[in-house]
């Protein structure tokens, strides 16, 4: 994370600490699995600059828009990009 996207390092570290605390308190490893999956998807996207830029554009569009159709269209593309990253980390 420090090399790929240093601006996200504080968020990464905070979520890592929270996941590890959850496991220690609840003796359930799912929090760590979810943490790792979330950040693996992030890395799969960020290591492809054009894809990362497109995702950020779409997220900005959703945040700025009041048009339900525009939001739905952008949301569909966001879901497609994230699904592509999920498939990549799953080795599909």
PDB file of N, CA and C in Angstrom:
ATOM      1  N   UNK A   1       0.818  -1.192   0.000  1.00  0.00           N
ATOM      2  CA  UNK A   1       0.000   0.000   0.000  1.00  0.00           C
ATOM      3  C   UNK A   1       0.861   1.256   0.000  1.00  0.00           C
ATOM      4  N   UNK A   2       1.944   1.215   0.739  1.00  0.00           N
ATOM      5  CA  UNK A   2       2.791   2.401   0.840  1.00  0.00           C
ATOM      6  C   UNK A   2       3.373   2.789  -0.512  1.00  0.00           C
ATOM      7  N   UNK A   3       3.610   1.827  -1.369  1.00  0.00           N
ATOM      8  CA  UNK A   3       4.172   2.103  -2.687  1.00  0.00           C
ATOM      9  C   UNK A   3       3.065   2.376  -3.699  1.00  0.00           C
ATOM     10  N   UNK A   4       2.038   1.549  -3.714  1.00  0.00           N
ATOM     11  CA  UNK A   4       0.981   1.642  -4.716  1.00  0.00           C
ATOM     12  C   UNK A   4       0.119   2.876  -4.555  1.00  0.00           C
ATOM     13  N   UNK A   5      -0.321   3.136  -3.339  1.00  0.00           N
ATOM     14  CA  UNK A   5      -1.227   4.259  -3.106  1.00  0.00           C
ATOM     15  C   UNK A   5      -1.062   4.774  -1.679  1.00  0.00           C
ATOM     16  N   UNK A   6       0.007   5.524  -1.425  1.00  0.00           N
ATOM     17  CA  UNK A   6       0.314   5.951  -0.054  1.00  0.00           C
ATOM     18  C   UNK A   6      -0.772   6.786   0.612  1.00  0.00           C
ATOM     19  N   UNK A   7      -1.603   7.472  -0.163  1.00  0.00           N
ATOM     20  CA  UNK A   7      -2.654   8.282   0.462  1.00  0.00           C
ATOM     21  C   UNK A   7      -3.680   7.417   1.184  1.00  0.00           C
ATOM     22  N   UNK A   8      -3.775   6.148   0.797  1.00  0.00           N
ATOM     23  CA  UNK A   8      -4.729   5.249   1.445  1.00  0.00           C
ATOM     24  C   UNK A   8      -4.123   4.459   2.599  1.00  0.00           C
ATOM     25  N   UNK A   9      -2.836   4.629   2.838  1.00  0.00           N
ATOM     26  CA  UNK A   9      -2.168   3.869   3.887  1.00  0.00           C
ATOM     27  C   UNK A   9      -2.789   4.069   5.279  1.00  0.00           C
ATOM     28  N   UNK A  10      -3.129   5.297   5.699  1.00  0.00           N
ATOM     29  CA  UNK A  10      -3.765   5.443   7.021  1.00  0.00           C
ATOM     30  C   UNK A  10      -5.086   4.673   7.127  1.00  0.00           C
ATOM     31  N   UNK A  11      -5.907   4.734   6.093  1.00  0.00           N
ATOM     32  CA  UNK A  11      -7.181   3.996   6.107  1.00  0.00           C
ATOM     33  C   UNK A  11      -6.916   2.491   6.160  1.00  0.00           C
ATOM     34  N   UNK A  12      -5.966   2.028   5.361  1.00  0.00           N
ATOM     35  CA  UNK A  12      -5.589   0.619   5.342  1.00  0.00           C
ATOM     36  C   UNK A  12      -5.164   0.163   6.739  1.00  0.00           C
ATOM     37  N   UNK A  13      -4.266   0.925   7.349  1.00  0.00           N
ATOM     38  CA  UNK A  13      -3.763   0.545   8.681  1.00  0.00           C
ATOM     39  C   UNK A  13      -4.866   0.565   9.731  1.00  0.00           C
ATOM     40  N   UNK A  14      -5.751   1.554   9.672  1.00  0.00           N
ATOM     41  CA  UNK A  14      -6.850   1.620  10.633  1.00  0.00           C
ATOM     42  C   UNK A  14      -7.764   0.404  10.480  1.00  0.00           C
ATOM     43  N   UNK A  15      -8.113   0.078   9.248  1.00  0.00           N
ATOM     44  CA  UNK A  15      -8.986  -1.078   9.019  1.00  0.00           C
ATOM     45  C   UNK A  15      -8.289  -2.388   9.392  1.00  0.00           C
ATOM     46  N   UNK A  16      -6.988  -2.454   9.168  1.00  0.00           N
ATOM     47  CA  UNK A  16      -6.234  -3.638   9.572  1.00  0.00           C
ATOM     48  C   UNK A  16      -6.301  -3.806  11.086  1.00  0.00           C
ATOM     49  N   UNK A  17      -6.061  -2.731  11.812  1.00  0.00           N
ATOM     50  CA  UNK A  17      -6.138  -2.779  13.275  1.00  0.00           C
ATOM     51  C   UNK A  17      -7.531  -3.191  13.743  1.00  0.00           C
ATOM     52  N   UNK A  18      -8.564  -2.615  13.125  1.00  0.00           N
ATOM     53  CA  UNK A  18      -9.935  -2.950  13.501  1.00  0.00           C
ATOM     54  C   UNK A  18     -10.238  -4.425  13.241  1.00  0.00           C
ATOM     55  N   UNK A  19      -9.780  -4.939  12.110  1.00  0.00           N
ATOM     56  CA  UNK A  19     -10.022  -6.351  11.784  1.00  0.00           C
ATOM     57  C   UNK A  19      -9.317  -7.259  12.786  1.00  0.00           C
ATOM     58  N   UNK A  20      -8.079  -6.935  13.095  1.00  0.00           N
ATOM     59  CA  UNK A  20      -7.336  -7.758  14.051  1.00  0.00           C
ATOM     60  C   UNK A  20      -7.932  -7.672  15.453  1.00  0.00           C
ATOM     61  N   UNK A  21      -8.390  -6.489  15.846  1.00  0.00           N
ATOM     62  CA  UNK A  21      -9.064  -6.346  17.143  1.00  0.00           C
ATOM     63  C   UNK A  21     -10.338  -7.183  17.184  1.00  0.00           C
ATOM     64  N   UNK A  22     -11.096  -7.167  16.095  1.00  0.00           N
ATOM     65  CA  UNK A  22     -12.347  -7.939  16.032  1.00  0.00           C
ATOM     66  C   UNK A  22     -12.056  -9.424  16.208  1.00  0.00           C
ATOM     67  N   UNK A  23     -11.023  -9.905  15.533  1.00  0.00           N
ATOM     68  CA  UNK A  23     -10.659 -11.314  15.642  1.00  0.00           C
ATOM     69  C   UNK A  23     -10.243 -11.641  17.065  1.00  0.00           C
ATOM     70  N   UNK A  24      -9.440 -10.790  17.676  1.00  0.00           N
ATOM     71  CA  UNK A  24      -8.981 -11.034  19.037  1.00  0.00           C
ATOM     72  C   UNK A  24     -10.130 -11.053  20.033  1.00  0.00           C
ATOM     73  N   UNK A  25     -11.096 -10.164  19.827  1.00  0.00           N
ATOM     74  CA  UNK A  25     -12.221 -10.064  20.761  1.00  0.00           C
ATOM     75  C   UNK A  25     -13.274 -11.142  20.524  1.00  0.00           C
ATOM     76  N   UNK A  26     -13.474 -11.557  19.294  1.00  0.00           N
ATOM     77  CA  UNK A  26     -14.580 -12.452  18.962  1.00  0.00           C
ATOM     78  C   UNK A  26     -14.151 -13.840  18.497  1.00  0.00           C
ATOM     79  N   UNK A  27     -12.850 -14.027  18.351  1.00  0.00           N
ATOM     80  CA  UNK A  27     -12.307 -15.317  17.908  1.00  0.00           C
ATOM     81  C   UNK A  27     -12.947 -15.793  16.609  1.00  0.00           C
ATOM     82  N   UNK A  28     -13.204 -14.855  15.716  1.00  0.00           N
ATOM     83  CA  UNK A  28     -13.770 -15.158  14.407  1.00  0.00           C
ATOM     84  C   UNK A  28     -12.889 -14.519  13.336  1.00  0.00           C
ATOM     85  N   UNK A  29     -12.296 -15.326  12.452  1.00  0.00           N
ATOM     86  CA  UNK A  29     -11.364 -14.785  11.458  1.00  0.00           C
ATOM     87  C   UNK A  29     -12.028 -14.086  10.271  1.00  0.00           C
ATOM     88  N   UNK A  30     -13.340 -14.056  10.202  1.00  0.00           N
ATOM     89  CA  UNK A  30     -14.008 -13.447   9.051  1.00  0.00           C
ATOM     90  C   UNK A  30     -13.643 -11.987   8.844  1.00  0.00           C
ATOM     91  N   UNK A  31     -13.416 -11.256   9.907  1.00  0.00           N
ATOM     92  CA  UNK A  31     -13.060  -9.842   9.773  1.00  0.00           C
ATOM     93  C   UNK A  31     -11.758  -9.684   8.998  1.00  0.00           C
ATOM     94  N   UNK A  32     -10.810 -10.560   9.247  1.00  0.00           N
ATOM     95  CA  UNK A  32      -9.536 -10.483   8.530  1.00  0.00           C
ATOM     96  C   UNK A  32      -9.743 -10.874   7.071  1.00  0.00           C
ATOM     97  N   UNK A  33     -10.538 -11.876   6.812  1.00  0.00           N
ATOM     98  CA  UNK A  33     -10.822 -12.280   5.424  1.00  0.00           C
ATOM     99  C   UNK A  33     -11.478 -11.141   4.647  1.00  0.00           C
ATOM    100  N   UNK A  34     -12.448 -10.491   5.259  1.00  0.00           N
ATOM    101  CA  UNK A  34     -13.125  -9.369   4.591  1.00  0.00           C
ATOM    102  C   UNK A  34     -12.159  -8.216   4.344  1.00  0.00           C
ATOM    103  N   UNK A  35     -11.330  -7.920   5.340  1.00  0.00           N
ATOM    104  CA  UNK A  35     -10.325  -6.873   5.199  1.00  0.00           C
ATOM    105  C   UNK A  35      -9.389  -7.185   4.033  1.00  0.00           C
ATOM    106  N   UNK A  36      -8.879  -8.409   3.993  1.00  0.00           N
ATOM    107  CA  UNK A  36      -7.953  -8.792   2.928  1.00  0.00           C
ATOM    108  C   UNK A  36      -8.613  -8.750   1.560  1.00  0.00           C
ATOM    109  N   UNK A  37      -9.848  -9.204   1.477  1.00  0.00           N
ATOM    110  CA  UNK A  37     -10.560  -9.193   0.190  1.00  0.00           C
ATOM    111  C   UNK A  37     -10.786  -7.756  -0.290  1.00  0.00           C
ATOM    112  N   UNK A  38     -11.234  -6.887   0.613  1.00  0.00           N
ATOM    113  CA  UNK A  38     -11.484  -5.495   0.240  1.00  0.00           C
ATOM    114  C   UNK A  38     -10.228  -4.854  -0.324  1.00  0.00           C
ATOM    115  N   UNK A  39      -9.104  -5.034   0.367  1.00  0.00           N
ATOM    116  CA  UNK A  39      -7.883  -4.379  -0.059  1.00  0.00           C
ATOM    117  C   UNK A  39      -7.240  -5.080  -1.251  1.00  0.00           C
ATOM    118  N   UNK A  40      -7.473  -6.365  -1.429  1.00  0.00           N
ATOM    119  CA  UNK A  40      -6.998  -7.052  -2.640  1.00  0.00           C
ATOM    120  C   UNK A  40      -7.718  -6.496  -3.861  1.00  0.00           C
ATOM    121  N   UNK A  41      -9.010  -6.240  -3.731  1.00  0.00           N
ATOM    122  CA  UNK A  41      -9.769  -5.622  -4.824  1.00  0.00           C
ATOM    123  C   UNK A  41      -9.239  -4.216  -5.089  1.00  0.00           C
ATOM    124  N   UNK A  42      -8.989  -3.466  -4.043  1.00  0.00           N
ATOM    125  CA  UNK A  42      -8.428  -2.121  -4.189  1.00  0.00           C
ATOM    126  C   UNK A  42      -7.113  -2.180  -4.977  1.00  0.00           C
ATOM    127  N   UNK A  43      -6.219  -3.092  -4.606  1.00  0.00           N
ATOM    128  CA  UNK A  43      -4.929  -3.219  -5.275  1.00  0.00           C
ATOM    129  C   UNK A  43      -5.126  -3.643  -6.728  1.00  0.00           C
ATOM    130  N   UNK A  44      -6.034  -4.585  -6.977  1.00  0.00           N
ATOM    131  CA  UNK A  44      -6.293  -5.037  -8.349  1.00  0.00           C
ATOM    132  C   UNK A  44      -6.742  -3.876  -9.229  1.00  0.00           C
ATOM    133  N   UNK A  45      -7.471  -2.952  -8.654  1.00  0.00           N
ATOM    134  CA  UNK A  45      -7.932  -1.774  -9.406  1.00  0.00           C
ATOM    135  C   UNK A  45      -6.814  -0.744  -9.525  1.00  0.00           C
ATOM    136  N   UNK A  46      -6.161  -0.417  -8.431  1.00  0.00           N
ATOM    137  CA  UNK A  46      -5.165   0.651  -8.410  1.00  0.00           C
ATOM    138  C   UNK A  46      -3.929   0.341  -9.252  1.00  0.00           C
ATOM    139  N   UNK A  47      -3.613  -0.921  -9.425  1.00  0.00           N
ATOM    140  CA  UNK A  47      -2.415  -1.232 -10.213  1.00  0.00           C
ATOM    141  C   UNK A  47      -2.657  -1.070 -11.706  1.00  0.00           C
ATOM    142  N   UNK A  48      -3.893  -0.755 -12.066  1.00  0.00           N
ATOM    143  CA  UNK A  48      -4.248  -0.442 -13.452  1.00  0.00           C
ATOM    144  C   UNK A  48      -4.737   1.010 -13.478  1.00  0.00           C
ATOM    145  N   UNK A  49      -3.839   1.957 -13.734  1.00  0.00           N
ATOM    146  CA  UNK A  49      -4.159   3.378 -13.605  1.00  0.00           C
ATOM    147  C   UNK A  49      -5.410   3.831 -14.369  1.00  0.00           C
ATOM    148  N   UNK A  50      -5.612   3.346 -15.573  1.00  0.00           N
ATOM    149  CA  UNK A  50      -6.795   3.763 -16.339  1.00  0.00           C
ATOM    150  C   UNK A  50      -8.076   3.288 -15.656  1.00  0.00           C
ATOM    151  N   UNK A  51      -8.051   2.084 -15.145  1.00  0.00           N
ATOM    152  CA  UNK A  51      -9.211   1.546 -14.433  1.00  0.00           C
ATOM    153  C   UNK A  51      -9.465   2.328 -13.148  1.00  0.00           C
ATOM    154  N   UNK A  52      -8.402   2.634 -12.415  1.00  0.00           N
ATOM    155  CA  UNK A  52      -8.532   3.396 -11.170  1.00  0.00           C
ATOM    156  C   UNK A  52      -9.099   4.789 -11.448  1.00  0.00           C
ATOM    157  N   UNK A  53      -8.603   5.425 -12.506  1.00  0.00           N
ATOM    158  CA  UNK A  53      -9.123   6.760 -12.868  1.00  0.00           C
ATOM    159  C   UNK A  53     -10.594   6.685 -13.219  1.00  0.00           C
ATOM    160  N   UNK A  54     -10.975   5.679 -13.996  1.00  0.00           N
ATOM    161  CA  UNK A  54     -12.379   5.542 -14.398  1.00  0.00           C
ATOM    162  C   UNK A  54     -13.267   5.315 -13.179  1.00  0.00           C
ATOM    163  N   UNK A  55     -12.834   4.483 -12.257  1.00  0.00           N
ATOM    164  CA  UNK A  55     -13.618   4.239 -11.051  1.00  0.00           C
ATOM    165  C   UNK A  55     -13.804   5.522 -10.252  1.00  0.00           C
ATOM    166  N   UNK A  56     -12.736   6.300 -10.096  1.00  0.00           N
ATOM    167  CA  UNK A  56     -12.850   7.566  -9.360  1.00  0.00           C
ATOM    168  C   UNK A  56     -13.796   8.544 -10.069  1.00  0.00           C
ATOM    169  N   UNK A  57     -13.731   8.580 -11.409  1.00  0.00           N
ATOM    170  CA  UNK A  57     -14.664   9.426 -12.173  1.00  0.00           C
ATOM    171  C   UNK A  57     -16.107   9.038 -11.895  1.00  0.00           C
ATOM    172  N   UNK A  58     -16.366   7.756 -11.957  1.00  0.00           N
ATOM    173  CA  UNK A  58     -17.729   7.268 -11.732  1.00  0.00           C
ATOM    174  C   UNK A  58     -18.198   7.573 -10.315  1.00  0.00           C
ATOM    175  N   UNK A  59     -17.327   7.381  -9.339  1.00  0.00           N
ATOM    176  CA  UNK A  59     -17.685   7.672  -7.953  1.00  0.00           C
ATOM    177  C   UNK A  59     -17.977   9.162  -7.773  1.00  0.00           C
ATOM    178  N   UNK A  60     -17.198  10.023  -8.429  1.00  0.00           N
ATOM    179  CA  UNK A  60     -17.475  11.465  -8.380  1.00  0.00           C
ATOM    180  C   UNK A  60     -18.817  11.773  -9.038  1.00  0.00           C
ATOM    181  N   UNK A  61     -19.093  11.131 -10.171  1.00  0.00           N
ATOM    182  CA  UNK A  61     -20.366  11.344 -10.862  1.00  0.00           C
ATOM    183  C   UNK A  61     -21.543  11.004  -9.949  1.00  0.00           C
ATOM    184  N   UNK A  62     -21.447   9.889  -9.269  1.00  0.00           N
ATOM    185  CA  UNK A  62     -22.517   9.468  -8.359  1.00  0.00           C
ATOM    186  C   UNK A  62     -22.677  10.475  -7.235  1.00  0.00           C
ATOM    187  N   UNK A  63     -21.570  10.933  -6.668  1.00  0.00           N
ATOM    188  CA  UNK A  63     -21.618  11.871  -5.546  1.00  0.00           C
ATOM    189  C   UNK A  63     -22.209  13.218  -5.951  1.00  0.00           C
ATOM    190  N   UNK A  64     -22.019  13.627  -7.192  1.00  0.00           N
ATOM    191  CA  UNK A  64     -22.463  14.952  -7.637  1.00  0.00           C
ATOM    192  C   UNK A  64     -23.852  14.972  -8.263  1.00  0.00           C
ATOM    193  N   UNK A  65     -24.329  13.839  -8.682  1.00  0.00           N
ATOM    194  CA  UNK A  65     -25.554  13.808  -9.474  1.00  0.00           C
ATOM    195  C   UNK A  65     -26.813  13.735  -8.615  1.00  0.00           C
ATOM    196  N   UNK A  66     -27.873  14.333  -9.139  1.00  0.00           N
ATOM    197  CA  UNK A  66     -29.204  14.201  -8.548  1.00  0.00           C
ATOM    198  C   UNK A  66     -30.117  13.390  -9.471  1.00  0.00           C
ATOM    199  N   UNK A  67     -29.581  12.989 -10.616  1.00  0.00           N
ATOM    200  CA  UNK A  67     -30.350  12.266 -11.623  1.00  0.00           C
ATOM    201  C   UNK A  67     -30.302  10.760 -11.345  1.00  0.00           C
ATOM    202  N   UNK A  68     -31.432  10.164 -10.970  1.00  0.00           N
ATOM    203  CA  UNK A  68     -31.445   8.736 -10.632  1.00  0.00           C
ATOM    204  C   UNK A  68     -30.921   7.836 -11.756  1.00  0.00           C
ATOM    205  N   UNK A  69     -31.215   8.176 -12.992  1.00  0.00           N
ATOM    206  CA  UNK A  69     -30.748   7.345 -14.112  1.00  0.00           C
ATOM    207  C   UNK A  69     -29.229   7.438 -14.265  1.00  0.00           C
ATOM    208  N   UNK A  70     -28.690   8.635 -14.121  1.00  0.00           N
ATOM    209  CA  UNK A  70     -27.235   8.808 -14.195  1.00  0.00           C
ATOM    210  C   UNK A  70     -26.544   8.049 -13.063  1.00  0.00           C
ATOM    211  N   UNK A  71     -27.118   8.121 -11.876  1.00  0.00           N
ATOM    212  CA  UNK A  71     -26.561   7.410 -10.722  1.00  0.00           C
ATOM    213  C   UNK A  71     -26.621   5.907 -10.954  1.00  0.00           C
ATOM    214  N   UNK A  72     -27.734   5.421 -11.461  1.00  0.00           N
ATOM    215  CA  UNK A  72     -27.906   3.991 -11.726  1.00  0.00           C
ATOM    216  C   UNK A  72     -26.901   3.510 -12.780  1.00  0.00           C
ATOM    217  N   UNK A  73     -26.731   4.287 -13.846  1.00  0.00           N
ATOM    218  CA  UNK A  73     -25.792   3.911 -14.907  1.00  0.00           C
ATOM    219  C   UNK A  73     -24.363   3.860 -14.378  1.00  0.00           C
ATOM    220  N   UNK A  74     -23.975   4.887 -13.632  1.00  0.00           N
ATOM    221  CA  UNK A  74     -22.632   4.911 -13.055  1.00  0.00           C
ATOM    222  C   UNK A  74     -22.458   3.770 -12.056  1.00  0.00           C
ATOM    223  N   UNK A  75     -23.476   3.529 -11.258  1.00  0.00           N
ATOM    224  CA  UNK A  75     -23.414   2.447 -10.275  1.00  0.00           C
ATOM    225  C   UNK A  75     -23.257   1.086 -10.925  1.00  0.00           C
ATOM    226  N   UNK A  76     -23.915   0.898 -12.044  1.00  0.00           N
ATOM    227  CA  UNK A  76     -23.792  -0.359 -12.785  1.00  0.00           C
ATOM    228  C   UNK A  76     -22.365  -0.548 -13.284  1.00  0.00           C
ATOM    229  N   UNK A  77     -21.770   0.520 -13.801  1.00  0.00           N
ATOM    230  CA  UNK A  77     -20.392   0.409 -14.276  1.00  0.00           C
ATOM    231  C   UNK A  77     -19.419   0.209 -13.118  1.00  0.00           C
ATOM    232  N   UNK A  78     -19.664   0.874 -11.997  1.00  0.00           N
ATOM    233  CA  UNK A  78     -18.824   0.666 -10.807  1.00  0.00           C
ATOM    234  C   UNK A  78     -18.873  -0.802 -10.391  1.00  0.00           C
ATOM    235  N   UNK A  79     -20.069  -1.356 -10.354  1.00  0.00           N
ATOM    236  CA  UNK A  79     -20.228  -2.760  -9.976  1.00  0.00           C
ATOM    237  C   UNK A  79     -19.492  -3.677 -10.948  1.00  0.00           C
ATOM    238  N   UNK A  80     -19.539  -3.355 -12.238  1.00  0.00           N
ATOM    239  CA  UNK A  80     -18.857  -4.163 -13.247  1.00  0.00           C
ATOM    240  C   UNK A  80     -17.341  -4.113 -13.051  1.00  0.00           C
ATOM    241  N   UNK A  81     -16.812  -2.920 -12.791  1.00  0.00           N
ATOM    242  CA  UNK A  81     -15.371  -2.778 -12.582  1.00  0.00           C
ATOM    243  C   UNK A  81     -14.919  -3.524 -11.331  1.00  0.00           C
ATOM    244  N   UNK A  82     -15.702  -3.420 -10.272  1.00  0.00           N
ATOM    245  CA  UNK A  82     -15.346  -4.125  -9.030  1.00  0.00           C
ATOM    246  C   UNK A  82     -15.465  -5.639  -9.200  1.00  0.00           C
ATOM    247  N   UNK A  83     -16.473  -6.082  -9.935  1.00  0.00           N
ATOM    248  CA  UNK A  83     -16.631  -7.515 -10.197  1.00  0.00           C
ATOM    249  C   UNK A  83     -15.443  -8.045 -10.993  1.00  0.00           C
ATOM    250  N   UNK A  84     -14.964  -7.245 -11.934  1.00  0.00           N
ATOM    251  CA  UNK A  84     -13.783  -7.624 -12.711  1.00  0.00           C
ATOM    252  C   UNK A  84     -12.581  -7.803 -11.786  1.00  0.00           C
ATOM    253  N   UNK A  85     -12.413  -6.897 -10.840  1.00  0.00           N
ATOM    254  CA  UNK A  85     -11.311  -6.998  -9.879  1.00  0.00           C
ATOM    255  C   UNK A  85     -11.487  -8.220  -8.981  1.00  0.00           C
ATOM    256  N   UNK A  86     -12.720  -8.500  -8.554  1.00  0.00           N
ATOM    257  CA  UNK A  86     -12.987  -9.697  -7.740  1.00  0.00           C
ATOM    258  C   UNK A  86     -12.611 -10.957  -8.504  1.00  0.00           C
ATOM    259  N   UNK A  87     -12.980 -11.008  -9.781  1.00  0.00           N
ATOM    260  CA  UNK A  87     -12.648 -12.194 -10.598  1.00  0.00           C
ATOM    261  C   UNK A  87     -11.129 -12.334 -10.730  1.00  0.00           C
ATOM    262  N   UNK A  88     -10.459 -11.204 -10.899  1.00  0.00           N
ATOM    263  CA  UNK A  88      -9.004 -11.240 -11.032  1.00  0.00           C
ATOM    264  C   UNK A  88      -8.346 -11.831  -9.793  1.00  0.00           C
ATOM    265  N   UNK A  89      -8.760 -11.379  -8.614  1.00  0.00           N
ATOM    266  CA  UNK A  89      -8.120 -11.898  -7.409  1.00  0.00           C
ATOM    267  C   UNK A  89      -8.535 -13.331  -7.106  1.00  0.00           C
ATOM    268  N   UNK A  90      -9.663 -13.747  -7.668  1.00  0.00           N
ATOM    269  CA  UNK A  90     -10.103 -15.142  -7.503  1.00  0.00           C
ATOM    270  C   UNK A  90      -9.413 -16.067  -8.511  1.00  0.00           C
ATOM    271  N   UNK A  91      -8.692 -15.446  -9.454  1.00  0.00           N
ATOM    272  CA  UNK A  91      -7.981 -16.237 -10.448  1.00  0.00           C
ATOM    273  C   UNK A  91      -8.855 -16.723 -11.587  1.00  0.00           C
ATOM    274  N   UNK A  92      -9.962 -16.045 -11.796  1.00  0.00           N
ATOM    275  CA  UNK A  92     -10.885 -16.456 -12.864  1.00  0.00           C
ATOM    276  C   UNK A  92     -10.557 -15.784 -14.171  1.00  0.00           C
TER     277      UNK A  92
END
